[in-house]
PDB file of N, CA and C in Angstrom:
ATOM      1  N   MET A   1     -47.863  12.209 -62.022  1.00  0.00           N
ATOM      2  CA  MET A   1     -49.216  11.809 -61.910  1.00  0.00           C
ATOM      3  C   MET A   1     -50.271  13.013 -62.038  1.00  0.00           C
ATOM      4  N   ASN A   2     -51.146  12.866 -63.021  1.00  0.00           N
ATOM      5  CA  ASN A   2     -52.200  13.747 -63.118  1.00  0.00           C
ATOM      6  C   ASN A   2     -53.464  13.211 -62.958  1.00  0.00           C
ATOM      7  N   ILE A   3     -54.478  14.009 -62.094  1.00  0.00           N
ATOM      8  CA  ILE A   3     -55.764  13.773 -61.989  1.00  0.00           C
ATOM      9  C   ILE A   3     -56.915  14.686 -62.230  1.00  0.00           C
ATOM     10  N   CYS A   4     -57.729  14.615 -62.980  1.00  0.00           N
ATOM     11  CA  CYS A   4     -58.634  15.601 -63.327  1.00  0.00           C
ATOM     12  C   CYS A   4     -60.134  14.751 -62.925  1.00  0.00           C
ATOM     13  N   SER A   5     -61.101  15.878 -62.503  1.00  0.00           N
ATOM     14  CA  SER A   5     -62.527  15.367 -62.559  1.00  0.00           C
ATOM     15  C   SER A   5     -63.409  16.230 -63.401  1.00  0.00           C
ATOM     16  N   LEU A   6     -64.054  16.134 -63.822  1.00  0.00           N
ATOM     17  CA  LEU A   6     -64.896  16.589 -64.880  1.00  0.00           C
ATOM     18  C   LEU A   6     -66.490  16.274 -64.897  1.00  0.00           C
ATOM     19  N   ILE A   7     -67.232  17.271 -65.029  1.00  0.00           N
ATOM     20  CA  ILE A   7     -68.887  16.850 -65.423  1.00  0.00           C
ATOM     21  C   ILE A   7     -69.112  16.874 -66.614  1.00  0.00           C
ATOM     22  N   VAL A   8     -69.471  15.752 -67.219  1.00  0.00           N
ATOM     23  CA  VAL A   8     -69.781  15.816 -68.699  1.00  0.00           C
ATOM     24  C   VAL A   8     -71.115  15.730 -68.909  1.00  0.00           C
ATOM     25  N   TYR A   9     -71.800  16.722 -69.491  1.00  0.00           N
ATOM     26  CA  TYR A   9     -73.265  16.896 -69.747  1.00  0.00           C
ATOM     27  C   TYR A   9     -73.498  16.241 -71.145  1.00  0.00           C
ATOM     28  N   THR A  10     -74.508  15.290 -71.151  1.00  0.00           N
ATOM     29  CA  THR A  10     -75.085  14.702 -72.060  1.00  0.00           C
ATOM     30  C   THR A  10     -76.386  14.920 -72.531  1.00  0.00           C
ATOM     31  N   LYS A  11     -76.598  14.702 -73.700  1.00  0.00           N
ATOM     32  CA  LYS A  11     -77.914  14.927 -74.454  1.00  0.00           C
ATOM     33  C   LYS A  11     -78.924  14.263 -73.423  1.00  0.00           C
ATOM     34  N   PRO A  12     -80.340  14.570 -73.389  1.00  0.00           N
ATOM     35  CA  PRO A  12     -81.211  14.075 -72.603  1.00  0.00           C
ATOM     36  C   PRO A  12     -81.255  12.595 -72.909  1.00  0.00           C
ATOM     37  N   ASP A  13     -81.534  11.747 -71.805  1.00  0.00           N
ATOM     38  CA  ASP A  13     -81.631  10.428 -71.839  1.00  0.00           C
ATOM     39  C   ASP A  13     -80.503   9.649 -72.505  1.00  0.00           C
ATOM     40  N   HIS A  14     -79.335  10.506 -72.523  1.00  0.00           N
ATOM     41  CA  HIS A  14     -78.213   9.510 -73.058  1.00  0.00           C
ATOM     42  C   HIS A  14     -76.944   9.173 -72.211  1.00  0.00           C
ATOM     43  N   GLY A  15     -77.011   9.413 -71.046  1.00  0.00           N
ATOM     44  CA  GLY A  15     -76.262   9.486 -69.867  1.00  0.00           C
ATOM     45  C   GLY A  15     -75.640   7.932 -69.877  1.00  0.00           C
ATOM     46  N   PRO A  16     -76.402   6.888 -69.830  1.00  0.00           N
ATOM     47  CA  PRO A  16     -75.821   5.492 -69.784  1.00  0.00           C
ATOM     48  C   PRO A  16     -75.112   5.312 -71.196  1.00  0.00           C
ATOM     49  N   GLN A  17     -75.449   5.447 -72.274  1.00  0.00           N
ATOM     50  CA  GLN A  17     -74.773   5.180 -73.711  1.00  0.00           C
ATOM     51  C   GLN A  17     -73.448   5.767 -73.536  1.00  0.00           C
ATOM     52  N   VAL A  18     -73.456   7.339 -73.169  1.00  0.00           N
ATOM     53  CA  VAL A  18     -72.405   8.018 -73.001  1.00  0.00           C
ATOM     54  C   VAL A  18     -71.361   7.650 -72.185  1.00  0.00           C
ATOM     55  N   SER A  19     -71.762   7.136 -71.140  1.00  0.00           N
ATOM     56  CA  SER A  19     -70.849   6.470 -69.942  1.00  0.00           C
ATOM     57  C   SER A  19     -70.323   5.368 -70.371  1.00  0.00           C
ATOM     58  N   LYS A  20     -70.880   4.427 -71.361  1.00  0.00           N
ATOM     59  CA  LYS A  20     -70.155   3.283 -71.631  1.00  0.00           C
ATOM     60  C   LYS A  20     -69.083   3.644 -72.895  1.00  0.00           C
ATOM     61  N   ARG A  21     -69.416   4.769 -73.544  1.00  0.00           N
ATOM     62  CA  ARG A  21     -68.353   5.065 -74.668  1.00  0.00           C
ATOM     63  C   ARG A  21     -66.992   6.051 -74.027  1.00  0.00           C
ATOM     64  N   LEU A  22     -67.341   6.688 -72.838  1.00  0.00           N
ATOM     65  CA  LEU A  22     -66.207   7.166 -72.050  1.00  0.00           C
ATOM     66  C   LEU A  22     -65.234   6.621 -71.556  1.00  0.00           C
ATOM     67  N   THR A  23     -65.585   5.155 -70.803  1.00  0.00           N
ATOM     68  CA  THR A  23     -64.753   4.123 -70.419  1.00  0.00           C
ATOM     69  C   THR A  23     -64.134   3.535 -71.161  1.00  0.00           C
ATOM     70  N   GLN A  24     -64.170   3.673 -72.600  1.00  0.00           N
ATOM     71  CA  GLN A  24     -63.370   3.071 -73.594  1.00  0.00           C
ATOM     72  C   GLN A  24     -62.014   3.866 -73.775  1.00  0.00           C
ATOM     73  N   TYR A  25     -62.017   5.078 -73.086  1.00  0.00           N
ATOM     74  CA  TYR A  25     -60.687   5.846 -73.107  1.00  0.00           C
ATOM     75  C   TYR A  25     -59.740   5.362 -72.120  1.00  0.00           C
ATOM     76  N   GLN A  26     -58.672   5.078 -72.201  1.00  0.00           N
ATOM     77  CA  GLN A  26     -57.444   4.919 -70.953  1.00  0.00           C
ATOM     78  C   GLN A  26     -57.678   5.847 -70.033  1.00  0.00           C
ATOM     79  N   GLY A  27     -57.540   5.421 -68.896  1.00  0.00           N
ATOM     80  CA  GLY A  27     -57.428   6.392 -67.685  1.00  0.00           C
ATOM     81  C   GLY A  27     -58.768   7.173 -67.048  1.00  0.00           C
ATOM     82  N   VAL A  28     -59.971   6.710 -68.008  1.00  0.00           N
ATOM     83  CA  VAL A  28     -61.565   7.275 -67.812  1.00  0.00           C
ATOM     84  C   VAL A  28     -62.070   6.657 -66.716  1.00  0.00           C
ATOM     85  N   GLU A  29     -62.872   6.999 -65.889  1.00  0.00           N
ATOM     86  CA  GLU A  29     -63.594   6.184 -64.757  1.00  0.00           C
ATOM     87  C   GLU A  29     -65.076   7.164 -64.899  1.00  0.00           C
ATOM     88  N   VAL A  30     -66.214   6.518 -65.022  1.00  0.00           N
ATOM     89  CA  VAL A  30     -67.216   7.356 -64.645  1.00  0.00           C
ATOM     90  C   VAL A  30     -67.984   6.810 -63.213  1.00  0.00           C
ATOM     91  N   HIS A  31     -68.285   7.835 -62.481  1.00  0.00           N
ATOM     92  CA  HIS A  31     -68.391   7.629 -61.148  1.00  0.00           C
ATOM     93  C   HIS A  31     -69.967   7.557 -60.739  1.00  0.00           C
ATOM     94  N   GLY A  32     -70.803   8.162 -61.633  1.00  0.00           N
ATOM     95  CA  GLY A  32     -72.324   8.571 -61.466  1.00  0.00           C
ATOM     96  C   GLY A  32     -72.873   9.599 -62.265  1.00  0.00           C
ATOM     97  N   GLY A  33     -74.094   9.799 -62.301  1.00  0.00           N
ATOM     98  CA  GLY A  33     -74.742  10.944 -62.831  1.00  0.00           C
ATOM     99  C   GLY A  33     -75.319  10.425 -64.128  1.00  0.00           C
ATOM    100  N   MET A  34     -75.403   9.075 -64.197  1.00  0.00           N
ATOM    101  CA  MET A  34     -75.935   8.585 -65.607  1.00  0.00           C
ATOM    102  C   MET A  34     -77.619   9.013 -65.694  1.00  0.00           C
ATOM    103  N   ILE A  35     -78.398   8.618 -64.606  1.00  0.00           N
ATOM    104  CA  ILE A  35     -79.568   9.245 -64.809  1.00  0.00           C
ATOM    105  C   ILE A  35     -80.069  10.588 -64.939  1.00  0.00           C
ATOM    106  N   GLU A  36     -79.056  11.219 -64.563  1.00  0.00           N
ATOM    107  CA  GLU A  36     -79.121  12.866 -64.807  1.00  0.00           C
ATOM    108  C   GLU A  36     -78.713  13.410 -65.978  1.00  0.00           C
ATOM    109  N   ASP A  37     -78.100  12.677 -66.668  1.00  0.00           N
ATOM    110  CA  ASP A  37     -77.314  13.189 -67.801  1.00  0.00           C
ATOM    111  C   ASP A  37     -76.102  14.371 -67.370  1.00  0.00           C
ATOM    112  N   LYS A  38     -75.621  13.897 -66.435  1.00  0.00           N
ATOM    113  CA  LYS A  38     -74.413  14.857 -65.985  1.00  0.00           C
ATOM    114  C   LYS A  38     -73.549  13.804 -65.224  1.00  0.00           C
ATOM    115  N   LEU A  39     -72.672  13.271 -66.087  1.00  0.00           N
ATOM    116  CA  LEU A  39     -71.819  12.255 -65.503  1.00  0.00           C
ATOM    117  C   LEU A  39     -70.516  12.931 -64.646  1.00  0.00           C
ATOM    118  N   ILE A  40     -70.253  12.353 -63.629  1.00  0.00           N
ATOM    119  CA  ILE A  40     -68.988  12.521 -62.680  1.00  0.00           C
ATOM    120  C   ILE A  40     -67.986  11.676 -63.407  1.00  0.00           C
ATOM    121  N   VAL A  41     -66.899  12.349 -63.900  1.00  0.00           N
ATOM    122  CA  VAL A  41     -65.743  11.503 -64.537  1.00  0.00           C
ATOM    123  C   VAL A  41     -64.436  12.028 -64.132  1.00  0.00           C
ATOM    124  N   THR A  42     -63.478  10.936 -63.902  1.00  0.00           N
ATOM    125  CA  THR A  42     -62.260  11.246 -63.643  1.00  0.00           C
ATOM    126  C   THR A  42     -61.221  10.748 -64.580  1.00  0.00           C
ATOM    127  N   VAL A  43     -60.311  11.655 -65.038  1.00  0.00           N
ATOM    128  CA  VAL A  43     -59.217  10.892 -66.047  1.00  0.00           C
ATOM    129  C   VAL A  43     -58.109  11.145 -65.295  1.00  0.00           C
ATOM    130  N   GLU A  44     -57.321  10.046 -65.416  1.00  0.00           N
ATOM    131  CA  GLU A  44     -56.006  10.123 -64.521  1.00  0.00           C
ATOM    132  C   GLU A  44     -54.790   9.193 -65.584  1.00  0.00           C
ATOM    133  N   ASP A  45     -53.627   9.754 -65.194  1.00  0.00           N
ATOM    134  CA  ASP A  45     -52.393   8.869 -65.909  1.00  0.00           C
ATOM    135  C   ASP A  45     -51.294   9.188 -64.715  1.00  0.00           C
ATOM    136  N   GLU A  46     -50.384   8.384 -65.086  1.00  0.00           N
ATOM    137  CA  GLU A  46     -49.167   8.037 -64.202  1.00  0.00           C
ATOM    138  C   GLU A  46     -47.910   9.187 -64.719  1.00  0.00           C
ATOM    139  N   GLY A  47     -48.163   9.652 -65.903  1.00  0.00           N
ATOM    140  CA  GLY A  47     -46.996  10.243 -66.699  1.00  0.00           C
ATOM    141  C   GLY A  47     -46.927  11.594 -66.030  1.00  0.00           C
ATOM    142  N   GLU A  48     -45.605  12.231 -66.275  1.00  0.00           N
ATOM    143  CA  GLU A  48     -45.237  13.591 -65.703  1.00  0.00           C
ATOM    144  C   GLU A  48     -45.884  14.735 -66.592  1.00  0.00           C
ATOM    145  N   SER A  49     -46.280  14.306 -68.036  1.00  0.00           N
ATOM    146  CA  SER A  49     -46.700  15.272 -68.473  1.00  0.00           C
ATOM    147  C   SER A  49     -48.255  15.620 -68.526  1.00  0.00           C
ATOM    148  N   MET A  50     -48.813  16.836 -68.557  1.00  0.00           N
ATOM    149  CA  MET A  50     -50.302  16.756 -68.798  1.00  0.00           C
ATOM    150  C   MET A  50     -51.019  16.485 -69.876  1.00  0.00           C
ATOM    151  N   SER A  51     -50.043  16.283 -71.050  1.00  0.00           N
ATOM    152  CA  SER A  51     -50.694  16.159 -72.475  1.00  0.00           C
ATOM    153  C   SER A  51     -51.646  15.194 -72.430  1.00  0.00           C
ATOM    154  N   PRO A  52     -50.931  14.020 -72.008  1.00  0.00           N
ATOM    155  CA  PRO A  52     -52.161  12.850 -72.279  1.00  0.00           C
ATOM    156  C   PRO A  52     -53.501  13.159 -71.509  1.00  0.00           C
ATOM    157  N   VAL A  53     -53.489  13.652 -70.458  1.00  0.00           N
ATOM    158  CA  VAL A  53     -54.714  13.950 -69.792  1.00  0.00           C
ATOM    159  C   VAL A  53     -55.530  15.217 -70.516  1.00  0.00           C
ATOM    160  N   SER A  54     -54.896  16.202 -71.112  1.00  0.00           N
ATOM    161  CA  SER A  54     -55.742  17.057 -71.525  1.00  0.00           C
ATOM    162  C   SER A  54     -56.090  16.547 -72.890  1.00  0.00           C
ATOM    163  N   ASP A  55     -55.350  15.843 -73.640  1.00  0.00           N
ATOM    164  CA  ASP A  55     -55.675  15.067 -74.862  1.00  0.00           C
ATOM    165  C   ASP A  55     -56.901  14.459 -74.761  1.00  0.00           C
ATOM    166  N   THR A  56     -56.992  13.553 -73.577  1.00  0.00           N
ATOM    167  CA  THR A  56     -58.271  12.819 -73.271  1.00  0.00           C
ATOM    168  C   THR A  56     -59.297  13.611 -73.144  1.00  0.00           C
ATOM    169  N   MET A  57     -59.218  14.572 -72.209  1.00  0.00           N
ATOM    170  CA  MET A  57     -60.239  15.578 -72.134  1.00  0.00           C
ATOM    171  C   MET A  57     -60.844  16.003 -73.130  1.00  0.00           C
ATOM    172  N   ASN A  58     -59.936  16.692 -74.022  1.00  0.00           N
ATOM    173  CA  ASN A  58     -60.559  17.239 -75.284  1.00  0.00           C
ATOM    174  C   ASN A  58     -61.309  16.266 -76.105  1.00  0.00           C
ATOM    175  N   GLU A  59     -60.833  14.877 -76.402  1.00  0.00           N
ATOM    176  CA  GLU A  59     -61.249  13.896 -77.044  1.00  0.00           C
ATOM    177  C   GLU A  59     -62.916  13.425 -76.519  1.00  0.00           C
ATOM    178  N   LEU A  60     -63.086  13.742 -75.057  1.00  0.00           N
ATOM    179  CA  LEU A  60     -64.112  13.570 -74.480  1.00  0.00           C
ATOM    180  C   LEU A  60     -65.335  14.373 -75.192  1.00  0.00           C
ATOM    181  N   ARG A  61     -64.889  15.557 -75.470  1.00  0.00           N
ATOM    182  CA  ARG A  61     -65.819  16.722 -75.989  1.00  0.00           C
ATOM    183  C   ARG A  61     -66.531  16.246 -77.159  1.00  0.00           C
ATOM    184  N   ASN A  62     -65.913  15.428 -77.993  1.00  0.00           N
ATOM    185  CA  ASN A  62     -66.329  14.704 -79.390  1.00  0.00           C
ATOM    186  C   ASN A  62     -67.001  13.599 -79.434  1.00  0.00           C
ATOM    187  N   VAL A  63     -67.249  13.038 -78.257  1.00  0.00           N
ATOM    188  CA  VAL A  63     -68.091  11.598 -77.992  1.00  0.00           C
ATOM    189  C   VAL A  63     -69.306  12.011 -78.455  1.00  0.00           C
ATOM    190  N   ASP A  64     -69.855  10.976 -79.300  1.00  0.00           N
ATOM    191  CA  ASP A  64     -71.434  11.078 -79.634  1.00  0.00           C
ATOM    192  C   ASP A  64     -72.165  10.895 -78.391  1.00  0.00           C
ATOM    193  N   GLY A  65     -73.175  12.012 -78.261  1.00  0.00           N
ATOM    194  CA  GLY A  65     -73.876  12.308 -77.112  1.00  0.00           C
ATOM    195  C   GLY A  65     -73.549  13.196 -76.265  1.00  0.00           C
ATOM    196  N   VAL A  66     -72.222  13.683 -76.120  1.00  0.00           N
ATOM    197  CA  VAL A  66     -71.687  14.676 -75.012  1.00  0.00           C
ATOM    198  C   VAL A  66     -72.084  15.957 -75.795  1.00  0.00           C
ATOM    199  N   VAL A  67     -72.637  17.015 -74.759  1.00  0.00           N
ATOM    200  CA  VAL A  67     -72.976  18.211 -74.950  1.00  0.00           C
ATOM    201  C   VAL A  67     -71.887  19.153 -74.620  1.00  0.00           C
ATOM    202  N   SER A  68     -71.288  18.999 -73.626  1.00  0.00           N
ATOM    203  CA  SER A  68     -70.388  19.872 -72.897  1.00  0.00           C
ATOM    204  C   SER A  68     -69.323  19.251 -71.788  1.00  0.00           C
ATOM    205  N   THR A  69     -68.199  19.628 -71.661  1.00  0.00           N
ATOM    206  CA  THR A  69     -67.467  19.291 -70.368  1.00  0.00           C
ATOM    207  C   THR A  69     -66.973  20.322 -69.448  1.00  0.00           C
ATOM    208  N   THR A  70     -66.895  20.123 -68.220  1.00  0.00           N
ATOM    209  CA  THR A  70     -66.555  21.351 -67.320  1.00  0.00           C
ATOM    210  C   THR A  70     -65.431  20.769 -66.231  1.00  0.00           C
ATOM    211  N   LEU A  71     -64.344  21.338 -66.445  1.00  0.00           N
ATOM    212  CA  LEU A  71     -63.351  20.838 -65.402  1.00  0.00           C
ATOM    213  C   LEU A  71     -63.640  21.205 -64.169  1.00  0.00           C
ATOM    214  N   ILE A  72     -63.591  20.333 -63.303  1.00  0.00           N
ATOM    215  CA  ILE A  72     -63.991  20.694 -61.945  1.00  0.00           C
ATOM    216  C   ILE A  72     -62.525  20.537 -60.979  1.00  0.00           C
ATOM    217  N   TYR A  73     -61.912  19.711 -61.232  1.00  0.00           N
ATOM    218  CA  TYR A  73     -60.626  19.718 -60.291  1.00  0.00           C
ATOM    219  C   TYR A  73     -59.347  19.080 -61.006  1.00  0.00           C
ATOM    220  N   HIS A  74     -58.321  19.565 -60.924  1.00  0.00           N
ATOM    221  CA  HIS A  74     -57.120  19.130 -61.457  1.00  0.00           C
ATOM    222  C   HIS A  74     -55.925  19.173 -60.400  1.00  0.00           C
ATOM    223  N   TYR A  75     -55.144  17.827 -60.312  1.00  0.00           N
ATOM    224  CA  TYR A  75     -54.061  17.788 -59.466  1.00  0.00           C
ATOM    225  C   TYR A  75     -52.882  17.096 -60.243  1.00  0.00           C
ATOM    226  N   GLY A  76     -51.895  17.921 -60.387  1.00  0.00           N
ATOM    227  CA  GLY A  76     -50.550  17.419 -60.961  1.00  0.00           C
ATOM    228  C   GLY A  76     -49.586  17.333 -60.002  1.00  0.00           C
ATOM    229  N   GLY A  77     -48.975  16.204 -59.733  1.00  0.00           N
ATOM    230  CA  GLY A  77     -47.787  16.005 -58.692  1.00  0.00           C
ATOM    231  C   GLY A  77     -46.914  14.830 -59.235  1.00  0.00           C
ATOM    232  N   GLU A  78     -45.718  14.444 -58.369  1.00  0.00           N
ATOM    233  CA  GLU A  78     -44.803  13.548 -58.793  1.00  0.00           C
ATOM    234  C   GLU A  78     -45.227  12.265 -58.053  1.00  0.00           C
ATOM    235  N   GLU A  79     -46.073  12.328 -57.229  1.00  0.00           N
ATOM    236  CA  GLU A  79     -46.558  11.058 -56.273  1.00  0.00           C
ATOM    237  C   GLU A  79     -47.114  10.140 -57.341  1.00  0.00           C
ATOM    238  N   SER A  80     -46.925   8.822 -57.190  1.00  0.00           N
ATOM    239  CA  SER A  80     -47.555   7.785 -57.628  1.00  0.00           C
ATOM    240  C   SER A  80     -49.086   7.597 -57.203  1.00  0.00           C
ATOM    241  N   MET A  81     -49.817   6.778 -57.542  1.00  0.00           N
ATOM    242  CA  MET A  81     -51.200   6.275 -57.015  1.00  0.00           C
ATOM    243  C   MET A  81     -50.900   5.851 -55.559  1.00  0.00           C
ATOM    244  N   GLU A  82     -49.881   4.614 -55.503  1.00  0.00           N
ATOM    245  CA  GLU A  82     -49.384   3.974 -54.563  1.00  0.00           C
ATOM    246  C   GLU A  82     -49.079   4.930 -53.191  1.00  0.00           C
ATOM    247  N   GLU A  83     -48.339   5.930 -53.678  1.00  0.00           N
ATOM    248  CA  GLU A  83     -47.727   6.694 -52.529  1.00  0.00           C
ATOM    249  C   GLU A  83     -49.092   7.487 -51.990  1.00  0.00           C
ATOM    250  N   MET A  84     -49.628   8.185 -52.930  1.00  0.00           N
ATOM    251  CA  MET A  84     -51.129   8.698 -52.525  1.00  0.00           C
ATOM    252  C   MET A  84     -51.912   7.838 -51.478  1.00  0.00           C
ATOM    253  N   ASN A  85     -52.325   6.684 -51.737  1.00  0.00           N
ATOM    254  CA  ASN A  85     -53.140   5.771 -51.146  1.00  0.00           C
ATOM    255  C   ASN A  85     -52.372   5.433 -49.579  1.00  0.00           C
ATOM    256  N   ARG A  86     -51.051   5.524 -49.743  1.00  0.00           N
ATOM    257  CA  ARG A  86     -50.482   5.205 -48.486  1.00  0.00           C
ATOM    258  C   ARG A  86     -50.569   6.694 -47.706  1.00  0.00           C
ATOM    259  N   GLU A  87     -50.626   7.549 -48.065  1.00  0.00           N
ATOM    260  CA  GLU A  87     -50.908   8.801 -47.318  1.00  0.00           C
ATOM    261  C   GLU A  87     -52.207   8.986 -46.650  1.00  0.00           C
ATOM    262  N   ILE A  88     -52.998   8.160 -47.346  1.00  0.00           N
ATOM    263  CA  ILE A  88     -54.273   8.356 -47.051  1.00  0.00           C
ATOM    264  C   ILE A  88     -54.694   7.561 -45.789  1.00  0.00           C
ATOM    265  N   ASN A  89     -54.018   6.343 -45.826  1.00  0.00           N
ATOM    266  CA  ASN A  89     -54.109   5.323 -44.744  1.00  0.00           C
ATOM    267  C   ASN A  89     -53.572   5.630 -43.597  1.00  0.00           C
TER     268      ASN A  89
END
């Protein structure tokens, strides 16, 4: 499993539109920041390879309205999301 969090900076007043575009990608979720044009985004996959997540992160930079992306956090491990949730509870 790979989980990354990013800040996606958008052109002024493009946050809501870019948010909709980003959620079209598999494993991408936008958690906030639409009004500020600084989207809080996570990208995750269940695969063992970092490739799908890094490919998605690279693609997000090319979405219309995106100015730049900044990686904030990355976790890569063999646990499934179900196992991680069990550990939290």
